């Protein structure tokens, strides 16, 4: 859902000239800006490494739910995979900005009780140590989907009517998918004074 929404904003944004999407299956979108590579194993990027050059930014939207998952497996699919992709990109793109979809409640101390929050916290911390131009950690909470996109989670089909209420009562707990996409673009082109972006930062960046 997040990847599709961010791609949608990139496709219609005048500052984005070229987009490379790496997917396990086709996204089903055709656009002059867009190039797509279908690649099954994100733990081995060597077959496509030469295509990963001359990019200004990586918008990393890949992720899995931790529900029902053991920590070692979740860590492998979250930390190990992300770091492998990020390290591959740093070797081929000087001056790249890396943006990572994390989550509200991520534990930067890496010592809290919540398994997913510790793993995400370590992922964030180690991404910010890599030699990117900048690395930004996005921590959305509830994300309001973009109408018309096909990968909207079923949750939103049934409870979408609650989103305006949540935004009114808890504005710092909800942002739109459009705001996430715009904030990623703007943080690349204009920068931001924080490396970790909570919901209020995402909303503010989207308005710049």
Protein backbone atom coordinates (compact mmCIF):
# COMPACT_ATOMS: atom_id res chain seq x y z
CA UNK A 1 0.00 0.00 0.00
CA UNK A 2 2.70 2.50 0.97
CA UNK A 3 4.91 1.69 -1.99
CA UNK A 4 2.05 2.11 -4.45
CA UNK A 5 1.03 5.42 -2.87
CA UNK A 6 4.55 6.83 -2.91
CA UNK A 7 5.00 5.73 -6.52
CA UNK A 8 1.74 7.48 -7.44
CA UNK A 9 3.01 10.79 -6.01
CA UNK A 10 6.37 10.41 -7.76
CA UNK A 11 4.71 9.80 -11.12
CA UNK A 12 2.70 13.04 -10.95
CA UNK A 13 5.35 15.24 -9.30
CA UNK A 14 7.22 17.63 -11.64
CA UNK A 15 10.50 17.36 -9.69
CA UNK A 16 10.77 13.60 -10.26
CA UNK A 17 12.37 12.84 -13.62
CA UNK A 18 12.95 9.08 -13.54
CA UNK A 19 11.78 6.23 -11.32
CA UNK A 20 13.13 2.72 -10.91
CA UNK A 21 10.83 0.28 -9.12
CA UNK A 22 12.19 -3.07 -7.95
CA UNK A 23 9.37 -5.54 -7.40
CA UNK A 24 8.82 -9.24 -6.96
CA UNK A 25 5.83 -9.01 -9.30
CA UNK A 26 4.74 -6.40 -11.89
CA UNK A 27 3.08 -3.28 -10.51
CA UNK A 28 0.83 -3.00 -13.55
CA UNK A 29 1.64 0.65 -14.22
CA UNK A 30 2.95 2.07 -17.48
CA UNK A 31 4.47 5.54 -17.52
CA UNK A 32 7.33 7.23 -19.46
CA UNK A 33 9.02 8.06 -16.13
CA UNK A 34 8.90 4.49 -14.90
CA UNK A 35 11.29 1.58 -15.29
CA UNK A 36 10.54 -1.64 -13.47
CA UNK A 37 12.79 -4.56 -12.59
CA UNK A 38 11.24 -7.83 -11.45
CA UNK A 39 13.60 -9.49 -9.00
CA UNK A 40 12.74 -12.34 -6.64
CA UNK A 41 15.60 -12.31 -4.13
CA UNK A 42 16.20 -9.00 -2.34
CA UNK A 43 18.99 -10.64 -0.36
CA UNK A 44 21.02 -10.98 -3.56
CA UNK A 45 21.02 -7.85 -5.70
CA UNK A 46 24.13 -8.77 -7.66
CA UNK A 47 22.22 -9.69 -10.86
CA UNK A 48 20.71 -6.18 -11.03
CA UNK A 49 23.44 -4.18 -9.27
CA UNK A 50 24.55 -2.35 -12.41
CA UNK A 51 21.03 -0.95 -12.84
CA UNK A 52 21.14 0.68 -9.39
CA UNK A 53 23.35 3.64 -10.29
CA UNK A 54 22.90 7.39 -10.78
CA UNK A 55 19.88 7.81 -8.50
CA UNK A 56 19.36 10.71 -6.10
CA UNK A 57 17.14 8.87 -3.66
CA UNK A 58 15.80 5.55 -2.49
CA UNK A 59 12.26 5.45 -1.08
CA UNK A 60 12.36 2.16 0.81
CA UNK A 61 8.78 1.02 1.40
CA UNK A 62 9.28 -2.73 1.77
CA UNK A 63 8.21 -4.30 5.04
CA UNK A 64 6.39 -7.15 6.79
CA UNK A 65 4.07 -7.37 9.78
CA UNK A 66 5.55 -8.80 12.97
CA UNK A 67 2.26 -10.42 14.00
CA UNK A 68 2.84 -14.08 14.81
CA UNK A 69 6.48 -13.92 13.75
CA UNK A 70 9.50 -14.99 15.78
CA UNK A 71 12.11 -12.32 16.40
CA UNK A 72 14.91 -13.97 14.42
CA UNK A 73 12.72 -14.27 11.33
CA UNK A 74 11.35 -10.75 11.66
CA UNK A 75 14.85 -9.39 12.14
CA UNK A 76 16.05 -11.22 9.04
CA UNK A 77 13.21 -9.87 6.89
CA UNK A 78 13.40 -6.37 8.35
CA UNK A 79 16.92 -5.53 9.49
CA UNK A 80 19.06 -7.86 7.37
CA UNK A 81 17.18 -7.23 4.14
CA UNK A 82 17.03 -3.47 4.54
CA UNK A 83 20.70 -3.16 5.41
CA UNK A 84 21.71 -5.32 2.45
CA UNK A 85 19.79 -3.12 0.03
CA UNK A 86 21.06 0.08 1.65
CA UNK A 87 24.71 -1.01 1.63
CA UNK A 88 24.43 -2.03 -2.02
CA UNK A 89 23.08 1.41 -2.88
CA UNK A 90 25.74 3.35 -0.96
CA UNK A 91 28.43 1.60 -2.99
CA UNK A 92 26.90 2.81 -6.26
CA UNK A 93 25.33 6.19 -5.57
CA UNK A 94 27.35 8.98 -4.05
CA UNK A 95 25.12 11.69 -2.66
CA UNK A 96 22.01 9.50 -2.36
CA UNK A 97 19.23 10.30 0.13
CA UNK A 98 17.69 7.21 1.75
CA UNK A 99 14.18 7.33 3.20
CA UNK A 100 12.92 4.40 5.25
CA UNK A 101 9.34 3.60 6.23
CA UNK A 102 9.57 2.66 9.90
CA UNK A 103 6.65 3.18 12.27
CA UNK A 104 5.32 5.22 15.15
CA UNK A 105 6.59 3.80 18.44
CA UNK A 106 9.91 2.56 17.05
CA UNK A 107 12.44 2.08 19.86
CA UNK A 108 15.68 3.95 19.22
CA UNK A 109 17.24 2.46 22.39
CA UNK A 110 16.84 -1.06 20.93
CA UNK A 111 16.08 -2.27 24.49
CA UNK A 112 12.31 -1.98 24.88
CA UNK A 113 9.78 -4.76 25.43
CA UNK A 114 8.22 -4.66 21.96
CA UNK A 115 10.12 -6.91 19.58
CA UNK A 116 9.18 -5.10 16.38
CA UNK A 117 10.07 -1.72 17.89
CA UNK A 118 13.54 -2.92 18.90
CA UNK A 119 14.24 -4.36 15.45
CA UNK A 120 12.98 -1.23 13.70
CA UNK A 121 15.05 0.88 16.09
CA UNK A 122 18.24 -0.98 15.25
CA UNK A 123 17.43 -0.74 11.55
CA UNK A 124 16.97 3.03 11.83
CA UNK A 125 20.13 3.49 13.88
CA UNK A 126 22.32 1.51 11.52
CA UNK A 127 20.88 3.11 8.39
CA UNK A 128 21.84 6.52 9.77
CA UNK A 129 25.45 5.30 10.15
CA UNK A 130 25.82 4.51 6.44
CA UNK A 131 27.51 7.05 4.15
CA UNK A 132 24.38 8.40 2.51
CA UNK A 133 24.07 12.12 1.83
CA UNK A 134 21.14 11.97 4.24
CA UNK A 135 19.04 9.18 5.76
CA UNK A 136 15.53 9.89 7.00
CA UNK A 137 13.42 7.57 9.10
CA UNK A 138 9.67 8.00 8.51
CA UNK A 139 7.45 6.99 11.43
CA UNK A 140 3.83 7.11 10.30
CA UNK A 141 1.06 5.73 12.50
CA UNK A 142 -2.35 5.43 10.82
CA UNK A 143 -2.09 6.19 7.11
CA UNK A 144 -5.12 7.45 5.22
CA UNK A 145 -5.09 5.70 1.81
CA UNK A 146 -5.20 7.40 -1.57
CA UNK A 147 -8.52 6.84 -3.32
CA UNK A 148 -8.42 4.76 -6.47
CA UNK A 149 -5.27 2.76 -5.70
CA UNK A 150 -5.57 -1.02 -5.73
CA UNK A 151 -3.43 -2.10 -2.77
CA UNK A 152 -5.42 -0.45 0.01
CA UNK A 153 -5.57 -2.67 3.09
CA UNK A 154 -8.98 -4.21 3.84
CA UNK A 155 -9.00 -2.45 7.22
CA UNK A 156 -9.60 0.85 5.48
CA UNK A 157 -12.54 -0.44 3.45
CA UNK A 158 -14.46 -1.19 6.63
CA UNK A 159 -13.26 1.53 9.00
CA UNK A 160 -12.31 4.32 6.63
CA UNK A 161 -15.19 6.41 7.92
CA UNK A 162 -13.31 6.72 11.22
CA UNK A 163 -10.28 8.41 9.71
CA UNK A 164 -11.66 11.99 9.69
CA UNK A 165 -12.66 11.52 13.33
CA UNK A 166 -9.16 10.31 14.25
CA UNK A 167 -7.58 13.20 12.36
CA UNK A 168 -9.78 15.66 14.28
CA UNK A 169 -9.21 14.11 17.71
CA UNK A 170 -5.57 12.98 17.29
CA UNK A 171 -3.98 14.90 14.41
CA UNK A 172 -0.48 13.73 15.37
CA UNK A 173 -1.51 10.09 14.94
CA UNK A 174 -2.66 10.13 11.33
CA UNK A 175 -1.35 11.29 7.97
CA UNK A 176 -2.38 10.58 4.41
CA UNK A 177 -0.52 8.41 1.95
CA UNK A 178 -0.30 11.48 -0.27
CA UNK A 179 1.47 13.34 2.55
CA UNK A 180 3.94 10.48 2.99
CA UNK A 181 4.80 10.53 -0.71
CA UNK A 182 5.14 14.30 -0.90
CA UNK A 183 7.23 14.39 2.28
CA UNK A 184 9.64 11.83 0.82
CA UNK A 185 10.04 13.88 -2.33
CA UNK A 186 10.46 17.16 -0.44
CA UNK A 187 12.95 15.78 2.06
CA UNK A 188 15.07 14.69 -0.90
CA UNK A 189 14.92 17.99 -2.80
CA UNK A 190 14.93 20.39 0.16
CA UNK A 191 16.20 18.49 3.20
CA UNK A 192 14.92 18.61 6.77
CA UNK A 193 16.45 19.38 10.15
CA UNK A 194 15.55 16.01 11.69
CA UNK A 195 16.58 12.51 10.68
CA UNK A 196 13.60 10.88 12.42
CA UNK A 197 10.24 12.12 11.17
CA UNK A 198 7.12 11.61 13.26
CA UNK A 199 3.61 12.18 11.89
CA UNK A 200 3.65 15.93 12.52
CA UNK A 201 6.94 16.23 10.61
CA UNK A 202 5.57 14.24 7.68
CA UNK A 203 2.49 16.47 7.48
CA UNK A 204 4.60 19.63 7.73
CA UNK A 205 7.01 18.47 5.01
CA UNK A 206 4.18 17.61 2.66
CA UNK A 207 2.97 21.22 2.80
CA UNK A 208 6.32 22.79 1.89
